[in-house]
Amino acid sequence: MKWSKIDCADQNGYLTYIIDYIEGHSTPKEIITGSSSTEYTLTSLIPNTNYSMRVLGVTSAGKGPSSEFSNITLTLEDGR
């Protein structure tokens, strides 16, 4: 997945990102990317499954506001 970079003026120190995602109706999972990259590859996704995903920035000051959840459905073709 990819997202837009947070403006330097809106950052408060070194920036990393957290990805929250929900598989179907399961408990939300959190991935701490540990990187300032605005791209991350989620692995072990299940074909024909609905996912909700959002991203938020984190600095030494704490977590910033998150994006809205985006909903996707992974198809069999996507899961090759």
N, C-alpha and C. Protein backbone atom coordinates (compact mmCIF):
# COMPACT_ATOMS: atom_id res chain seq x y z
N MET A 1 0.83 -1.16 0.00
CA MET A 1 0.00 0.00 0.00
C MET A 1 0.88 1.23 0.00
N LYS A 2 0.34 2.33 -0.47
CA LYS A 2 1.07 3.60 -0.55
C LYS A 2 0.21 4.71 0.01
N TRP A 3 0.86 5.75 0.53
CA TRP A 3 0.14 6.90 1.06
C TRP A 3 1.00 8.14 0.88
N SER A 4 0.39 9.30 1.11
CA SER A 4 1.09 10.58 0.95
C SER A 4 1.93 10.87 2.19
N LYS A 5 3.07 11.48 1.97
CA LYS A 5 3.98 11.84 3.05
C LYS A 5 3.37 12.97 3.90
N ILE A 6 3.63 12.93 5.19
CA ILE A 6 3.20 14.00 6.09
C ILE A 6 4.17 15.17 5.91
N ASP A 7 3.63 16.36 5.75
CA ASP A 7 4.43 17.56 5.55
C ASP A 7 5.43 17.75 6.69
N CYS A 8 6.65 18.16 6.37
CA CYS A 8 7.67 18.37 7.40
C CYS A 8 7.20 19.35 8.48
N ALA A 9 6.45 20.37 8.08
CA ALA A 9 5.95 21.36 9.05
C ALA A 9 4.98 20.73 10.05
N ASP A 10 4.35 19.62 9.69
CA ASP A 10 3.39 18.95 10.57
C ASP A 10 4.01 17.82 11.38
N GLN A 11 5.29 17.56 11.16
CA GLN A 11 5.98 16.50 11.90
C GLN A 11 6.57 17.07 13.19
N ASN A 12 6.78 16.21 14.14
CA ASN A 12 7.38 16.62 15.40
C ASN A 12 8.52 15.64 15.71
N GLY A 13 9.59 15.73 14.94
CA GLY A 13 10.70 14.81 15.11
C GLY A 13 10.72 13.74 14.04
N TYR A 14 11.50 12.68 14.29
CA TYR A 14 11.64 11.58 13.33
C TYR A 14 10.30 10.87 13.17
N LEU A 15 9.89 10.68 11.95
CA LEU A 15 8.58 10.13 11.64
C LEU A 15 8.66 8.68 11.18
N THR A 16 7.83 7.85 11.76
CA THR A 16 7.60 6.49 11.26
C THR A 16 6.09 6.34 11.10
N TYR A 17 5.66 5.21 10.58
CA TYR A 17 4.24 5.02 10.34
C TYR A 17 3.73 3.74 10.98
N ILE A 18 2.46 3.76 11.30
CA ILE A 18 1.75 2.57 11.78
C ILE A 18 0.60 2.31 10.81
N ILE A 19 0.43 1.05 10.46
CA ILE A 19 -0.68 0.62 9.63
C ILE A 19 -1.62 -0.20 10.50
N ASP A 20 -2.87 0.20 10.55
CA ASP A 20 -3.92 -0.59 11.20
C ASP A 20 -4.72 -1.26 10.10
N TYR A 21 -4.97 -2.57 10.26
CA TYR A 21 -5.83 -3.21 9.27
C TYR A 21 -6.72 -4.26 9.93
N ILE A 22 -7.87 -4.44 9.32
CA ILE A 22 -8.85 -5.40 9.80
C ILE A 22 -9.15 -6.36 8.66
N GLU A 23 -9.05 -7.63 8.95
CA GLU A 23 -9.34 -8.68 7.97
C GLU A 23 -10.76 -9.16 8.22
N GLY A 24 -11.67 -8.88 7.27
CA GLY A 24 -13.07 -9.26 7.47
C GLY A 24 -13.62 -8.58 8.71
N HIS A 25 -14.08 -9.38 9.67
CA HIS A 25 -14.63 -8.84 10.91
C HIS A 25 -13.76 -9.20 12.11
N SER A 26 -12.48 -9.45 11.87
CA SER A 26 -11.58 -9.87 12.94
C SER A 26 -11.10 -8.68 13.77
N THR A 27 -10.31 -8.96 14.75
CA THR A 27 -9.71 -7.94 15.60
C THR A 27 -8.69 -7.13 14.81
N PRO A 28 -8.66 -5.81 14.97
CA PRO A 28 -7.68 -4.99 14.25
C PRO A 28 -6.25 -5.41 14.57
N LYS A 29 -5.38 -5.32 13.57
CA LYS A 29 -3.96 -5.62 13.73
C LYS A 29 -3.17 -4.35 13.46
N GLU A 30 -2.05 -4.21 14.16
CA GLU A 30 -1.22 -3.02 14.01
C GLU A 30 0.17 -3.43 13.55
N ILE A 31 0.66 -2.76 12.51
CA ILE A 31 2.01 -2.98 12.02
C ILE A 31 2.79 -1.69 12.20
N ILE A 32 3.88 -1.75 12.93
CA ILE A 32 4.76 -0.60 13.08
C ILE A 32 5.84 -0.74 12.01
N THR A 33 5.83 0.17 11.04
CA THR A 33 6.74 0.02 9.90
C THR A 33 8.19 0.28 10.29
N GLY A 34 8.42 1.15 11.29
CA GLY A 34 9.79 1.48 11.68
C GLY A 34 10.54 2.25 10.62
N SER A 35 9.81 2.84 9.69
CA SER A 35 10.42 3.51 8.55
C SER A 35 9.65 4.77 8.21
N SER A 36 10.33 5.71 7.57
CA SER A 36 9.65 6.92 7.08
C SER A 36 9.16 6.74 5.64
N SER A 37 9.33 5.55 5.10
CA SER A 37 8.86 5.25 3.75
C SER A 37 7.34 5.34 3.70
N THR A 38 6.82 5.81 2.58
CA THR A 38 5.36 5.92 2.42
C THR A 38 4.80 4.77 1.59
N GLU A 39 5.44 3.62 1.73
CA GLU A 39 5.01 2.43 1.01
C GLU A 39 5.30 1.21 1.89
N TYR A 40 4.37 0.26 1.91
CA TYR A 40 4.55 -0.95 2.70
C TYR A 40 3.83 -2.09 2.01
N THR A 41 4.43 -3.27 2.00
CA THR A 41 3.81 -4.45 1.41
C THR A 41 3.28 -5.35 2.51
N LEU A 42 1.97 -5.52 2.52
CA LEU A 42 1.35 -6.45 3.46
C LEU A 42 1.43 -7.84 2.88
N THR A 43 1.81 -8.81 3.67
CA THR A 43 1.94 -10.18 3.20
C THR A 43 0.91 -11.06 3.90
N SER A 44 0.76 -12.25 3.40
CA SER A 44 -0.15 -13.26 3.97
C SER A 44 -1.62 -12.83 3.93
N LEU A 45 -1.97 -12.01 2.93
CA LEU A 45 -3.38 -11.64 2.78
C LEU A 45 -4.13 -12.79 2.13
N ILE A 46 -5.40 -12.90 2.45
CA ILE A 46 -6.21 -14.02 1.99
C ILE A 46 -7.09 -13.59 0.81
N PRO A 47 -7.04 -14.32 -0.32
CA PRO A 47 -7.89 -13.98 -1.46
C PRO A 47 -9.38 -14.00 -1.10
N ASN A 48 -10.15 -13.18 -1.79
CA ASN A 48 -11.61 -13.07 -1.60
C ASN A 48 -11.97 -12.67 -0.18
N THR A 49 -11.15 -11.82 0.41
CA THR A 49 -11.38 -11.33 1.77
C THR A 49 -11.42 -9.81 1.75
N ASN A 50 -12.32 -9.24 2.55
CA ASN A 50 -12.42 -7.79 2.69
C ASN A 50 -11.43 -7.30 3.74
N TYR A 51 -10.76 -6.20 3.44
CA TYR A 51 -9.82 -5.59 4.37
C TYR A 51 -10.15 -4.12 4.53
N SER A 52 -9.96 -3.61 5.74
CA SER A 52 -10.03 -2.18 6.02
C SER A 52 -8.66 -1.77 6.53
N MET A 53 -8.11 -0.68 5.97
CA MET A 53 -6.75 -0.27 6.32
C MET A 53 -6.70 1.23 6.53
N ARG A 54 -5.82 1.64 7.45
CA ARG A 54 -5.56 3.08 7.65
C ARG A 54 -4.12 3.24 8.09
N VAL A 55 -3.61 4.48 7.99
CA VAL A 55 -2.22 4.78 8.31
C VAL A 55 -2.18 5.98 9.25
N LEU A 56 -1.20 5.98 10.15
CA LEU A 56 -0.97 7.16 10.98
C LEU A 56 0.52 7.33 11.21
N GLY A 57 0.93 8.56 11.44
CA GLY A 57 2.33 8.86 11.70
C GLY A 57 2.61 8.83 13.19
N VAL A 58 3.86 8.50 13.53
CA VAL A 58 4.28 8.44 14.92
C VAL A 58 5.65 9.11 15.04
N THR A 59 5.80 9.97 16.06
CA THR A 59 7.09 10.58 16.38
C THR A 59 7.34 10.39 17.87
N SER A 60 8.41 10.98 18.36
CA SER A 60 8.72 10.90 19.79
C SER A 60 7.62 11.56 20.63
N ALA A 61 6.83 12.44 20.01
CA ALA A 61 5.73 13.10 20.72
C ALA A 61 4.49 12.22 20.80
N GLY A 62 4.49 11.10 20.08
CA GLY A 62 3.34 10.19 20.11
C GLY A 62 2.71 10.01 18.75
N LYS A 63 1.52 9.41 18.77
CA LYS A 63 0.79 9.12 17.53
C LYS A 63 0.06 10.36 17.05
N GLY A 64 0.05 10.52 15.73
CA GLY A 64 -0.71 11.59 15.12
C GLY A 64 -2.09 11.08 14.72
N PRO A 65 -2.90 11.94 14.12
CA PRO A 65 -4.22 11.50 13.67
C PRO A 65 -4.10 10.48 12.55
N SER A 66 -5.03 9.56 12.51
CA SER A 66 -4.99 8.53 11.46
C SER A 66 -5.79 8.97 10.25
N SER A 67 -5.50 8.31 9.14
CA SER A 67 -6.31 8.50 7.95
C SER A 67 -7.66 7.81 8.18
N GLU A 68 -8.58 8.03 7.29
CA GLU A 68 -9.83 7.27 7.31
C GLU A 68 -9.53 5.84 6.86
N PHE A 69 -10.33 4.89 7.30
CA PHE A 69 -10.16 3.52 6.82
C PHE A 69 -10.51 3.46 5.34
N SER A 70 -9.71 2.74 4.57
CA SER A 70 -10.00 2.42 3.18
C SER A 70 -10.37 0.95 3.13
N ASN A 71 -11.41 0.63 2.38
CA ASN A 71 -11.86 -0.75 2.27
C ASN A 71 -11.49 -1.32 0.91
N ILE A 72 -10.91 -2.51 0.94
CA ILE A 72 -10.56 -3.20 -0.30
C ILE A 72 -10.98 -4.66 -0.19
N THR A 73 -11.17 -5.29 -1.32
CA THR A 73 -11.38 -6.72 -1.37
C THR A 73 -10.28 -7.32 -2.22
N LEU A 74 -9.52 -8.22 -1.64
CA LEU A 74 -8.46 -8.89 -2.37
C LEU A 74 -9.10 -9.99 -3.20
N THR A 75 -8.83 -10.00 -4.51
CA THR A 75 -9.39 -11.02 -5.38
C THR A 75 -8.41 -12.17 -5.54
N LEU A 76 -8.88 -13.25 -6.12
CA LEU A 76 -8.00 -14.40 -6.40
C LEU A 76 -6.82 -13.97 -7.27
N GLU A 77 -7.09 -13.11 -8.26
CA GLU A 77 -6.04 -12.64 -9.15
C GLU A 77 -4.99 -11.85 -8.38
N ASP A 78 -5.42 -10.98 -7.43
CA ASP A 78 -4.50 -10.20 -6.62
C ASP A 78 -3.63 -11.09 -5.74
N GLY A 79 -4.16 -12.23 -5.31
CA GLY A 79 -3.48 -13.08 -4.35
C GLY A 79 -2.48 -14.06 -4.94
N ARG A 80 -2.20 -13.96 -6.23
CA ARG A 80 -1.25 -14.90 -6.85
C ARG A 80 0.11 -14.84 -6.24
